[in-house]
Amino acid sequence: ASQRAAVTQVSDALSRGESVGEAVAATGDYFPVMFRQVVALGDTTGQLDRAYRQLAEHFEHMLAARRTLLSALAWPAIQLGIAVGVIGGVIWLSSALNLKNMDGEPLDMFGFGLIGNKGLMIYASIITFFAIGLLLLIEANRRGMFWTRRLQRAALKLPMIGGALQTLAMARFTWALQLVFDTSMDLRKALPLALDATGNDYYRQQGPEIARNIGRGMTLHAALAESGAFPRDLLDAIAVGEQSGSLAETMQRQSNEYRERANVAISVLAQAFGYLIWLVVAAFIVVLIFRVFGMYLEPIKRMSDPNWKV
């Protein structure tokens, strides 16, 4: 419904004789900032067809990366679902088989007090709570809520995961920068847009300072290096592009290179997620082994006690 309303608003504005840029801008924040800016620029310069084609390639690239990430995470997610189901089955099965400990009480396999149907309901409620919390966190991160920004910055410092997230951000940044370099957009306006396309608040917050440094006469390479947020190989490539006067072509090559790196980064993220799932499953298996071993040792200890009576 929101898409239909936005497109209808654009259509009505065009019918009244307004330009495409004005019609899109009138929809507010429905369309991304970069989309609105590039459409307005293409409309002003008479290159709207080229602007549409570049935007289409940009968003198709983003969708392809998202599909690749989701497909890479599919198997770890299935493993997590199986592990959650098996743990719930063990909680219910101990009561269904009427298993008892030495004191004649229902057997608590994990030692968490979750036994039988009641324990299964509590376990299912906890899992549901965490699932809803995770979905809310993902949505809040997508909307860029303030409290999720620290999480994004902290994630970049994590071993293995941080490097992969930086590569994904740089893949988006180089693609967006190559897009705006093909237009006549002022670099001071283009840089914040390209940094916003990274989807990471750590890089978004660098935009205003980098734009101010460029406004004071610094080169793009020097302004990016001043922030200390960008990898050395990218800075070197930008420096070469500026000196040779072929910055747009350089960013095109960097975009293709980082796109290939992004595929590897997605595999790394999926692998890290898979390791995390295996650690959780292994922890429960270890707990279960020790609990079962403890149940085996308990009667032996009681029988060795001289005060023990049958």
C-alpha atoms as a PDB file:
ATOM      1  CA  ALA A   1       0.000   0.000   0.000  1.00  0.00           C
ATOM      2  CA  SER A   2       2.840   2.430   0.809  1.00  0.00           C
ATOM      3  CA  GLN A   3       4.495   1.750  -2.543  1.00  0.00           C
ATOM      4  CA  ARG A   4       1.216   2.254  -4.391  1.00  0.00           C
ATOM      5  CA  ALA A   5       0.645   5.556  -2.571  1.00  0.00           C
ATOM      6  CA  ALA A   6       4.164   6.810  -3.339  1.00  0.00           C
ATOM      7  CA  VAL A   7       3.995   5.894  -7.030  1.00  0.00           C
ATOM      8  CA  THR A   8       0.535   7.448  -7.323  1.00  0.00           C
ATOM      9  CA  GLN A   9       1.879  10.634  -5.766  1.00  0.00           C
ATOM     10  CA  VAL A  10       4.722  10.721  -8.310  1.00  0.00           C
ATOM     11  CA  SER A  11       2.307  10.039 -11.164  1.00  0.00           C
ATOM     12  CA  ASP A  12      -0.051  12.832 -10.058  1.00  0.00           C
ATOM     13  CA  ALA A  13       2.867  15.260  -9.754  1.00  0.00           C
ATOM     14  CA  LEU A  14       4.051  14.431 -13.277  1.00  0.00           C
ATOM     15  CA  SER A  15       0.512  14.927 -14.562  1.00  0.00           C
ATOM     16  CA  ARG A  16       0.583  18.440 -13.095  1.00  0.00           C
ATOM     17  CA  GLY A  17       3.755  19.192 -15.066  1.00  0.00           C
ATOM     18  CA  GLU A  18       6.307  18.838 -12.287  1.00  0.00           C
ATOM     19  CA  SER A  19       9.737  17.389 -13.049  1.00  0.00           C
ATOM     20  CA  VAL A  20      10.674  13.832 -12.125  1.00  0.00           C
ATOM     21  CA  GLY A  21      13.152  15.065  -9.507  1.00  0.00           C
ATOM     22  CA  GLU A  22      10.513  17.261  -7.858  1.00  0.00           C
ATOM     23  CA  ALA A  23       7.907  14.494  -7.956  1.00  0.00           C
ATOM     24  CA  VAL A  24      10.233  11.959  -6.321  1.00  0.00           C
ATOM     25  CA  ALA A  25      11.409  14.474  -3.720  1.00  0.00           C
ATOM     26  CA  ALA A  26       7.773  15.198  -2.762  1.00  0.00           C
ATOM     27  CA  THR A  27       7.342  11.609  -1.524  1.00  0.00           C
ATOM     28  CA  GLY A  28       9.541  12.402   1.494  1.00  0.00           C
ATOM     29  CA  ASP A  29      11.732   9.599   2.818  1.00  0.00           C
ATOM     30  CA  TYR A  30      10.009   6.771   0.957  1.00  0.00           C
ATOM     31  CA  PHE A  31      12.852   6.480  -1.589  1.00  0.00           C
ATOM     32  CA  PRO A  32      16.502   6.264  -0.420  1.00  0.00           C
ATOM     33  CA  VAL A  33      18.483   9.510  -0.286  1.00  0.00           C
ATOM     34  CA  MET A  34      20.892   8.420  -3.025  1.00  0.00           C
ATOM     35  CA  PHE A  35      17.992   7.482  -5.293  1.00  0.00           C
ATOM     36  CA  ARG A  36      16.393  10.923  -4.885  1.00  0.00           C
ATOM     37  CA  GLN A  37      19.684  12.771  -5.382  1.00  0.00           C
ATOM     38  CA  VAL A  38      20.767  10.861  -8.512  1.00  0.00           C
ATOM     39  CA  VAL A  39      17.293  11.096 -10.086  1.00  0.00           C
ATOM     40  CA  ALA A  40      17.220  14.847  -9.464  1.00  0.00           C
ATOM     41  CA  LEU A  41      20.702  15.222 -10.957  1.00  0.00           C
ATOM     42  CA  GLY A  42      19.832  13.090 -13.997  1.00  0.00           C
ATOM     43  CA  ASP A  43      16.655  15.107 -14.513  1.00  0.00           C
ATOM     44  CA  THR A  44      18.558  18.411 -14.345  1.00  0.00           C
ATOM     45  CA  THR A  45      21.354  17.329 -16.710  1.00  0.00           C
ATOM     46  CA  GLY A  46      19.072  15.552 -19.182  1.00  0.00           C
ATOM     47  CA  GLN A  47      20.656  12.150 -18.461  1.00  0.00           C
ATOM     48  CA  LEU A  48      17.753  10.567 -16.635  1.00  0.00           C
ATOM     49  CA  ASP A  49      17.978   7.316 -18.608  1.00  0.00           C
ATOM     50  CA  ARG A  50      21.621   6.877 -17.596  1.00  0.00           C
ATOM     51  CA  ALA A  51      20.792   7.712 -13.975  1.00  0.00           C
ATOM     52  CA  TYR A  52      18.049   5.073 -13.925  1.00  0.00           C
ATOM     53  CA  ARG A  53      20.363   2.460 -15.419  1.00  0.00           C
ATOM     54  CA  GLN A  54      23.096   3.168 -12.859  1.00  0.00           C
ATOM     55  CA  LEU A  55      20.624   3.092  -9.990  1.00  0.00           C
ATOM     56  CA  ALA A  56      19.182  -0.178 -11.250  1.00  0.00           C
ATOM     57  CA  GLU A  57      22.642  -1.749 -11.314  1.00  0.00           C
ATOM     58  CA  HIS A  58      23.371  -0.406  -7.824  1.00  0.00           C
ATOM     59  CA  PHE A  59      20.230  -1.809  -6.207  1.00  0.00           C
ATOM     60  CA  GLU A  60      20.456  -5.088  -8.136  1.00  0.00           C
ATOM     61  CA  HIS A  61      23.968  -5.482  -6.748  1.00  0.00           C
ATOM     62  CA  MET A  62      22.682  -4.870  -3.209  1.00  0.00           C
ATOM     63  CA  LEU A  63      19.874  -7.399  -3.659  1.00  0.00           C
ATOM     64  CA  ALA A  64      22.281  -9.989  -5.082  1.00  0.00           C
ATOM     65  CA  ALA A  65      24.592  -9.530  -2.084  1.00  0.00           C
ATOM     66  CA  ARG A  66      21.642  -9.914   0.292  1.00  0.00           C
ATOM     67  CA  ARG A  67      20.479 -13.101  -1.445  1.00  0.00           C
ATOM     68  CA  THR A  68      24.006 -14.512  -1.302  1.00  0.00           C
ATOM     69  CA  LEU A  69      24.225 -13.759   2.417  1.00  0.00           C
ATOM     70  CA  LEU A  70      20.851 -15.338   3.158  1.00  0.00           C
ATOM     71  CA  SER A  71      21.674 -18.453   1.139  1.00  0.00           C
ATOM     72  CA  ALA A  72      25.023 -18.780   2.923  1.00  0.00           C
ATOM     73  CA  LEU A  73      23.292 -18.500   6.308  1.00  0.00           C
ATOM     74  CA  ALA A  74      20.540 -20.973   5.400  1.00  0.00           C
ATOM     75  CA  TRP A  75      22.378 -24.149   6.470  1.00  0.00           C
ATOM     76  CA  PRO A  76      23.619 -22.735   9.817  1.00  0.00           C
ATOM     77  CA  ALA A  77      20.066 -21.539  10.488  1.00  0.00           C
ATOM     78  CA  ILE A  78      18.714 -25.033   9.760  1.00  0.00           C
ATOM     79  CA  GLN A  79      21.311 -26.469  12.129  1.00  0.00           C
ATOM     80  CA  LEU A  80      20.224 -24.018  14.804  1.00  0.00           C
ATOM     81  CA  GLY A  81      16.590 -24.992  14.305  1.00  0.00           C
ATOM     82  CA  ILE A  82      17.434 -28.686  14.618  1.00  0.00           C
ATOM     83  CA  ALA A  83      19.479 -28.042  17.778  1.00  0.00           C
ATOM     84  CA  VAL A  84      16.661 -26.042  19.356  1.00  0.00           C
ATOM     85  CA  GLY A  85      14.187 -28.804  18.472  1.00  0.00           C
ATOM     86  CA  VAL A  86      16.416 -31.578  19.854  1.00  0.00           C
ATOM     87  CA  ILE A  87      16.865 -29.748  23.173  1.00  0.00           C
ATOM     88  CA  GLY A  88      13.103 -29.274  23.446  1.00  0.00           C
ATOM     89  CA  GLY A  89      12.610 -32.955  22.634  1.00  0.00           C
ATOM     90  CA  VAL A  90      15.010 -34.021  25.408  1.00  0.00           C
ATOM     91  CA  ILE A  91      13.159 -31.806  27.909  1.00  0.00           C
ATOM     92  CA  TRP A  92       9.835 -33.387  27.011  1.00  0.00           C
ATOM     93  CA  LEU A  93      11.139 -36.950  26.603  1.00  0.00           C
ATOM     94  CA  SER A  94      12.491 -37.219  30.146  1.00  0.00           C
ATOM     95  CA  SER A  95       8.974 -36.761  31.456  1.00  0.00           C
ATOM     96  CA  ALA A  96       7.263 -38.818  28.753  1.00  0.00           C
ATOM     97  CA  LEU A  97       9.444 -41.822  29.638  1.00  0.00           C
ATOM     98  CA  ASN A  98       8.783 -41.182  33.339  1.00  0.00           C
ATOM     99  CA  LEU A  99      12.494 -41.092  34.143  1.00  0.00           C
ATOM    100  CA  LYS A 100      13.330 -40.629  37.834  1.00  0.00           C
ATOM    101  CA  ASN A 101      16.489 -39.842  39.778  1.00  0.00           C
ATOM    102  CA  MET A 102      17.684 -41.650  42.903  1.00  0.00           C
ATOM    103  CA  ASP A 103      15.322 -39.627  45.068  1.00  0.00           C
ATOM    104  CA  GLY A 104      12.317 -40.603  42.982  1.00  0.00           C
ATOM    105  CA  GLU A 105      11.924 -37.121  41.524  1.00  0.00           C
ATOM    106  CA  PRO A 106      11.442 -36.420  37.792  1.00  0.00           C
ATOM    107  CA  LEU A 107      14.790 -36.448  35.993  1.00  0.00           C
ATOM    108  CA  ASP A 108      16.086 -33.006  34.991  1.00  0.00           C
ATOM    109  CA  MET A 109      18.431 -33.788  32.090  1.00  0.00           C
ATOM    110  CA  PHE A 110      19.968 -30.301  31.839  1.00  0.00           C
ATOM    111  CA  GLY A 111      19.710 -29.189  35.453  1.00  0.00           C
ATOM    112  CA  PHE A 112      17.710 -26.069  34.610  1.00  0.00           C
ATOM    113  CA  GLY A 113      14.447 -27.196  36.189  1.00  0.00           C
ATOM    114  CA  LEU A 114      12.792 -27.671  32.777  1.00  0.00           C
ATOM    115  CA  ILE A 115      10.868 -30.942  32.920  1.00  0.00           C
ATOM    116  CA  GLY A 116       7.909 -32.332  30.998  1.00  0.00           C
ATOM    117  CA  ASN A 117       5.188 -30.301  29.295  1.00  0.00           C
ATOM    118  CA  LYS A 118       5.553 -27.357  31.657  1.00  0.00           C
ATOM    119  CA  GLY A 119       9.311 -27.239  31.113  1.00  0.00           C
ATOM    120  CA  LEU A 120       8.794 -27.491  27.361  1.00  0.00           C
ATOM    121  CA  MET A 121       6.357 -24.554  27.426  1.00  0.00           C
ATOM    122  CA  ILE A 122       8.833 -22.443  29.424  1.00  0.00           C
ATOM    123  CA  TYR A 123      11.632 -23.385  27.006  1.00  0.00           C
ATOM    124  CA  ALA A 124       9.453 -22.555  23.990  1.00  0.00           C
ATOM    125  CA  SER A 125       8.537 -19.193  25.548  1.00  0.00           C
ATOM    126  CA  ILE A 126      12.216 -18.355  26.096  1.00  0.00           C
ATOM    127  CA  ILE A 127      13.098 -19.277  22.493  1.00  0.00           C
ATOM    128  CA  THR A 128      10.157 -17.225  21.193  1.00  0.00           C
ATOM    129  CA  PHE A 129      11.242 -14.260  23.297  1.00  0.00           C
ATOM    130  CA  PHE A 130      14.789 -14.385  21.916  1.00  0.00           C
ATOM    131  CA  ALA A 131      13.525 -14.824  18.333  1.00  0.00           C
ATOM    132  CA  ILE A 132      11.268 -11.764  18.632  1.00  0.00           C
ATOM    133  CA  GLY A 133      14.117  -9.803  20.205  1.00  0.00           C
ATOM    134  CA  LEU A 134      16.432 -10.756  17.328  1.00  0.00           C
ATOM    135  CA  LEU A 135      13.857  -9.696  14.720  1.00  0.00           C
ATOM    136  CA  LEU A 136      13.342  -6.372  16.504  1.00  0.00           C
ATOM    137  CA  LEU A 137      17.122  -5.858  16.620  1.00  0.00           C
ATOM    138  CA  ILE A 138      17.443  -6.530  12.883  1.00  0.00           C
ATOM    139  CA  GLU A 139      14.585  -4.132  12.099  1.00  0.00           C
ATOM    140  CA  ALA A 140      16.006  -1.453  14.408  1.00  0.00           C
ATOM    141  CA  ASN A 141      19.397  -1.835  12.729  1.00  0.00           C
ATOM    142  CA  ARG A 142      17.772  -1.536   9.297  1.00  0.00           C
ATOM    143  CA  ARG A 143      16.025   1.670  10.358  1.00  0.00           C
ATOM    144  CA  GLY A 144      19.274   3.029  11.789  1.00  0.00           C
ATOM    145  CA  MET A 145      17.971   3.595  15.308  1.00  0.00           C
ATOM    146  CA  PHE A 146      20.431   5.371  17.564  1.00  0.00           C
ATOM    147  CA  TRP A 147      20.949   2.557  20.086  1.00  0.00           C
ATOM    148  CA  THR A 148      21.975   0.098  17.346  1.00  0.00           C
ATOM    149  CA  ARG A 149      24.829   2.317  16.126  1.00  0.00           C
ATOM    150  CA  ARG A 150      27.129   1.317  18.950  1.00  0.00           C
ATOM    151  CA  LEU A 151      26.471  -2.312  18.106  1.00  0.00           C
ATOM    152  CA  GLN A 152      27.520  -1.700  14.504  1.00  0.00           C
ATOM    153  CA  ARG A 153      30.741  -0.007  15.581  1.00  0.00           C
ATOM    154  CA  ALA A 154      31.477  -2.730  18.141  1.00  0.00           C
ATOM    155  CA  ALA A 155      30.923  -5.470  15.548  1.00  0.00           C
ATOM    156  CA  LEU A 156      33.728  -4.030  13.398  1.00  0.00           C
ATOM    157  CA  LYS A 157      36.176  -4.754  16.233  1.00  0.00           C
ATOM    158  CA  LEU A 158      35.293  -8.428  16.496  1.00  0.00           C
ATOM    159  CA  PRO A 159      37.892 -10.878  15.173  1.00  0.00           C
ATOM    160  CA  MET A 160      36.958 -12.563  11.896  1.00  0.00           C
ATOM    161  CA  ILE A 161      33.545 -10.851  11.793  1.00  0.00           C
ATOM    162  CA  GLY A 162      34.863  -7.271  11.812  1.00  0.00           C
ATOM    163  CA  GLY A 163      36.997  -7.726   8.706  1.00  0.00           C
ATOM    164  CA  ALA A 164      34.111  -9.305   6.815  1.00  0.00           C
ATOM    165  CA  LEU A 165      31.753  -6.460   7.764  1.00  0.00           C
ATOM    166  CA  GLN A 166      34.332  -3.890   6.660  1.00  0.00           C
ATOM    167  CA  THR A 167      34.704  -5.634   3.295  1.00  0.00           C
ATOM    168  CA  LEU A 168      30.931  -5.610   2.759  1.00  0.00           C
ATOM    169  CA  ALA A 169      30.801  -1.915   3.677  1.00  0.00           C
ATOM    170  CA  MET A 170      33.669  -1.081   1.296  1.00  0.00           C
ATOM    171  CA  ALA A 171      31.976  -3.025  -1.509  1.00  0.00           C
ATOM    172  CA  ARG A 172      28.908  -0.791  -1.148  1.00  0.00           C
ATOM    173  CA  PHE A 173      31.005   2.345  -0.720  1.00  0.00           C
ATOM    174  CA  THR A 174      33.119   1.832  -3.837  1.00  0.00           C
ATOM    175  CA  TRP A 175      30.056   0.968  -5.916  1.00  0.00           C
ATOM    176  CA  ALA A 176      28.184   4.055  -4.744  1.00  0.00           C
ATOM    177  CA  LEU A 177      31.243   6.278  -5.197  1.00  0.00           C
ATOM    178  CA  GLN A 178      31.712   5.001  -8.734  1.00  0.00           C
ATOM    179  CA  LEU A 179      28.036   5.786  -9.341  1.00  0.00           C
ATOM    180  CA  VAL A 180      28.264   9.413  -8.248  1.00  0.00           C
ATOM    181  CA  PHE A 181      31.597   9.942 -10.024  1.00  0.00           C
ATOM    182  CA  ASP A 182      29.768   9.267 -13.288  1.00  0.00           C
ATOM    183  CA  THR A 183      27.625  12.340 -12.578  1.00  0.00           C
ATOM    184  CA  SER A 184      28.438  16.001 -12.063  1.00  0.00           C
ATOM    185  CA  MET A 185      27.431  15.895  -8.404  1.00  0.00           C
ATOM    186  CA  ASP A 186      29.524  17.975  -6.005  1.00  0.00           C
ATOM    187  CA  LEU A 187      31.970  15.682  -4.225  1.00  0.00           C
ATOM    188  CA  ARG A 188      31.071  17.271  -0.889  1.00  0.00           C
ATOM    189  CA  LYS A 189      27.499  16.046  -1.376  1.00  0.00           C
ATOM    190  CA  ALA A 190      28.478  12.779  -3.042  1.00  0.00           C
ATOM    191  CA  LEU A 191      30.752  11.492  -0.247  1.00  0.00           C
ATOM    192  CA  PRO A 192      28.079  11.470   2.495  1.00  0.00           C
ATOM    193  CA  LEU A 193      25.707   9.686   0.118  1.00  0.00           C
ATOM    194  CA  ALA A 194      28.302   7.039  -0.728  1.00  0.00           C
ATOM    195  CA  LEU A 195      29.122   6.546   2.950  1.00  0.00           C
ATOM    196  CA  ASP A 196      25.434   6.264   3.773  1.00  0.00           C
ATOM    197  CA  ALA A 197      25.193   3.447   1.214  1.00  0.00           C
ATOM    198  CA  THR A 198      27.568   1.335   3.352  1.00  0.00           C
ATOM    199  CA  GLY A 199      24.698   0.661   5.760  1.00  0.00           C
ATOM    200  CA  ASN A 200      27.107   1.012   8.703  1.00  0.00           C
ATOM    201  CA  ASP A 201      26.935   3.914  11.135  1.00  0.00           C
ATOM    202  CA  TYR A 202      30.703   3.896  11.721  1.00  0.00           C
ATOM    203  CA  TYR A 203      31.240   5.006   8.121  1.00  0.00           C
ATOM    204  CA  ARG A 204      28.142   7.206   7.958  1.00  0.00           C
ATOM    205  CA  GLN A 205      29.439   9.374  10.790  1.00  0.00           C
ATOM    206  CA  GLN A 206      32.661  10.044   8.848  1.00  0.00           C
ATOM    207  CA  GLY A 207      30.734  11.799   6.065  1.00  0.00           C
ATOM    208  CA  PRO A 208      30.402  15.367   7.423  1.00  0.00           C
ATOM    209  CA  GLU A 209      34.063  15.613   8.506  1.00  0.00           C
ATOM    210  CA  ILE A 210      35.340  14.211   5.203  1.00  0.00           C
ATOM    211  CA  ALA A 211      33.109  16.642   3.275  1.00  0.00           C
ATOM    212  CA  ARG A 212      34.456  19.563   5.356  1.00  0.00           C
ATOM    213  CA  ASN A 213      38.043  18.498   4.684  1.00  0.00           C
ATOM    214  CA  ILE A 214      37.341  18.361   0.949  1.00  0.00           C
ATOM    215  CA  GLY A 215      35.736  21.794   1.198  1.00  0.00           C
ATOM    216  CA  ARG A 216      38.972  23.087   2.782  1.00  0.00           C
ATOM    217  CA  GLY A 217      40.896  21.924  -0.277  1.00  0.00           C
ATOM    218  CA  MET A 218      42.073  18.444   0.725  1.00  0.00           C
ATOM    219  CA  THR A 219      42.168  15.738  -1.916  1.00  0.00           C
ATOM    220  CA  LEU A 220      39.796  12.793  -1.648  1.00  0.00           C
ATOM    221  CA  HIS A 221      42.682  10.500  -0.717  1.00  0.00           C
ATOM    222  CA  ALA A 222      43.887  12.840   2.047  1.00  0.00           C
ATOM    223  CA  ALA A 223      40.369  13.402   3.413  1.00  0.00           C
ATOM    224  CA  LEU A 224      39.644   9.667   3.615  1.00  0.00           C
ATOM    225  CA  ALA A 225      43.066   8.920   5.103  1.00  0.00           C
ATOM    226  CA  GLU A 226      42.547  11.624   7.736  1.00  0.00           C
ATOM    227  CA  SER A 227      39.548   9.706   9.121  1.00  0.00           C
ATOM    228  CA  GLY A 228      41.595   6.522   9.659  1.00  0.00           C
ATOM    229  CA  ALA A 229      38.540   4.422   8.803  1.00  0.00           C
ATOM    230  CA  PHE A 230      39.480   3.085   5.363  1.00  0.00           C
ATOM    231  CA  PRO A 231      41.803   0.245   4.299  1.00  0.00           C
ATOM    232  CA  ARG A 232      45.223   1.131   2.942  1.00  0.00           C
ATOM    233  CA  ASP A 233      44.790  -0.613  -0.422  1.00  0.00           C
ATOM    234  CA  LEU A 234      41.681   1.434  -1.186  1.00  0.00           C
ATOM    235  CA  LEU A 235      43.417   4.684  -0.232  1.00  0.00           C
ATOM    236  CA  ASP A 236      46.390   3.838  -2.459  1.00  0.00           C
ATOM    237  CA  ALA A 237      44.087   3.107  -5.407  1.00  0.00           C
ATOM    238  CA  ILE A 238      42.251   6.417  -4.899  1.00  0.00           C
ATOM    239  CA  ALA A 239      45.575   8.279  -4.744  1.00  0.00           C
ATOM    240  CA  VAL A 240      46.661   6.728  -8.046  1.00  0.00           C
ATOM    241  CA  GLY A 241      43.288   7.535  -9.605  1.00  0.00           C
ATOM    242  CA  GLU A 242      43.501  11.182  -8.544  1.00  0.00           C
ATOM    243  CA  GLN A 243      47.050  11.587  -9.832  1.00  0.00           C
ATOM    244  CA  SER A 244      46.220   9.964 -13.170  1.00  0.00           C
ATOM    245  CA  GLY A 245      42.913  11.799 -13.595  1.00  0.00           C
ATOM    246  CA  SER A 246      40.959   8.550 -13.939  1.00  0.00           C
ATOM    247  CA  LEU A 247      39.216   8.374 -10.579  1.00  0.00           C
ATOM    248  CA  ALA A 248      35.925   7.111 -12.016  1.00  0.00           C
ATOM    249  CA  GLU A 249      37.643   4.221 -13.810  1.00  0.00           C
ATOM    250  CA  THR A 250      39.687   3.446 -10.692  1.00  0.00           C
ATOM    251  CA  MET A 251      36.557   3.245  -8.550  1.00  0.00           C
ATOM    252  CA  GLN A 252      34.973   0.971 -11.151  1.00  0.00           C
ATOM    253  CA  ARG A 253      37.886  -1.444 -10.820  1.00  0.00           C
ATOM    254  CA  GLN A 254      37.820  -1.175  -7.025  1.00  0.00           C
ATOM    255  CA  SER A 255      34.087  -1.817  -7.038  1.00  0.00           C
ATOM    256  CA  ASN A 256      34.535  -5.024  -9.044  1.00  0.00           C
ATOM    257  CA  GLU A 257      37.388  -6.142  -6.787  1.00  0.00           C
ATOM    258  CA  TYR A 258      35.463  -5.492  -3.583  1.00  0.00           C
ATOM    259  CA  ARG A 259      32.428  -7.243  -5.026  1.00  0.00           C
ATOM    260  CA  GLU A 260      34.537 -10.395  -5.326  1.00  0.00           C
ATOM    261  CA  ARG A 261      35.888  -9.866  -1.823  1.00  0.00           C
ATOM    262  CA  ALA A 262      32.337  -9.421  -0.555  1.00  0.00           C
ATOM    263  CA  ASN A 263      31.440 -12.935  -1.677  1.00  0.00           C
ATOM    264  CA  VAL A 264      34.327 -14.259   0.424  1.00  0.00           C
ATOM    265  CA  ALA A 265      33.268 -12.038   3.338  1.00  0.00           C
ATOM    266  CA  ILE A 266      29.747 -13.438   3.189  1.00  0.00           C
ATOM    267  CA  SER A 267      31.182 -16.959   3.390  1.00  0.00           C
ATOM    268  CA  VAL A 268      33.261 -15.894   6.408  1.00  0.00           C
ATOM    269  CA  LEU A 269      30.173 -14.505   8.167  1.00  0.00           C
ATOM    270  CA  ALA A 270      28.228 -17.678   7.469  1.00  0.00           C
ATOM    271  CA  GLN A 271      31.156 -19.760   8.745  1.00  0.00           C
ATOM    272  CA  ALA A 272      31.388 -17.663  11.920  1.00  0.00           C
ATOM    273  CA  PHE A 273      27.661 -18.059  12.483  1.00  0.00           C
ATOM    274  CA  GLY A 274      27.984 -21.799  11.945  1.00  0.00           C
ATOM    275  CA  TYR A 275      30.822 -21.986  14.493  1.00  0.00           C
ATOM    276  CA  LEU A 276      28.682 -20.112  17.004  1.00  0.00           C
ATOM    277  CA  ILE A 277      25.830 -22.582  16.524  1.00  0.00           C
ATOM    278  CA  TRP A 278      28.173 -25.527  16.935  1.00  0.00           C
ATOM    279  CA  LEU A 279      29.549 -24.031  20.151  1.00  0.00           C
ATOM    280  CA  VAL A 280      26.037 -23.687  21.552  1.00  0.00           C
ATOM    281  CA  VAL A 281      25.123 -27.231  20.536  1.00  0.00           C
ATOM    282  CA  ALA A 282      28.419 -28.586  21.887  1.00  0.00           C
ATOM    283  CA  ALA A 283      27.836 -26.811  25.210  1.00  0.00           C
ATOM    284  CA  PHE A 284      24.452 -28.480  25.624  1.00  0.00           C
ATOM    285  CA  ILE A 285      25.893 -31.851  24.609  1.00  0.00           C
ATOM    286  CA  VAL A 286      28.683 -31.501  27.188  1.00  0.00           C
ATOM    287  CA  VAL A 287      26.142 -30.551  29.868  1.00  0.00           C
ATOM    288  CA  LEU A 288      23.992 -33.531  28.919  1.00  0.00           C
ATOM    289  CA  ILE A 289      26.994 -35.913  29.016  1.00  0.00           C
ATOM    290  CA  PHE A 290      28.024 -34.748  32.471  1.00  0.00           C
ATOM    291  CA  ARG A 291      24.438 -34.977  33.715  1.00  0.00           C
ATOM    292  CA  VAL A 292      24.088 -38.550  32.454  1.00  0.00           C
ATOM    293  CA  PHE A 293      27.506 -39.458  33.841  1.00  0.00           C
ATOM    294  CA  GLY A 294      26.529 -37.891  37.160  1.00  0.00           C
ATOM    295  CA  MET A 295      23.371 -40.018  37.260  1.00  0.00           C
ATOM    296  CA  TYR A 296      25.569 -43.094  36.719  1.00  0.00           C
ATOM    297  CA  LEU A 297      27.987 -42.122  39.499  1.00  0.00           C
ATOM    298  CA  GLU A 298      25.335 -41.123  42.028  1.00  0.00           C
ATOM    299  CA  PRO A 299      24.149 -44.666  42.916  1.00  0.00           C
ATOM    300  CA  ILE A 300      27.768 -45.891  43.042  1.00  0.00           C
ATOM    301  CA  LYS A 301      28.637 -43.174  45.558  1.00  0.00           C
ATOM    302  CA  ARG A 302      25.572 -43.944  47.644  1.00  0.00           C
ATOM    303  CA  MET A 303      26.328 -47.637  47.676  1.00  0.00           C
ATOM    304  CA  SER A 304      29.890 -46.934  48.847  1.00  0.00           C
ATOM    305  CA  ASP A 305      28.565 -44.900  51.764  1.00  0.00           C
ATOM    306  CA  PRO A 306      28.591 -47.133  54.921  1.00  0.00           C
ATOM    307  CA  ASN A 307      25.476 -45.322  56.196  1.00  0.00           C
ATOM    308  CA  TRP A 308      23.534 -45.949  53.010  1.00  0.00           C
ATOM    309  CA  LYS A 309      20.481 -48.189  53.228  1.00  0.00           C
ATOM    310  CA  VAL A 310      18.363 -49.674  50.478  1.00  0.00           C
END
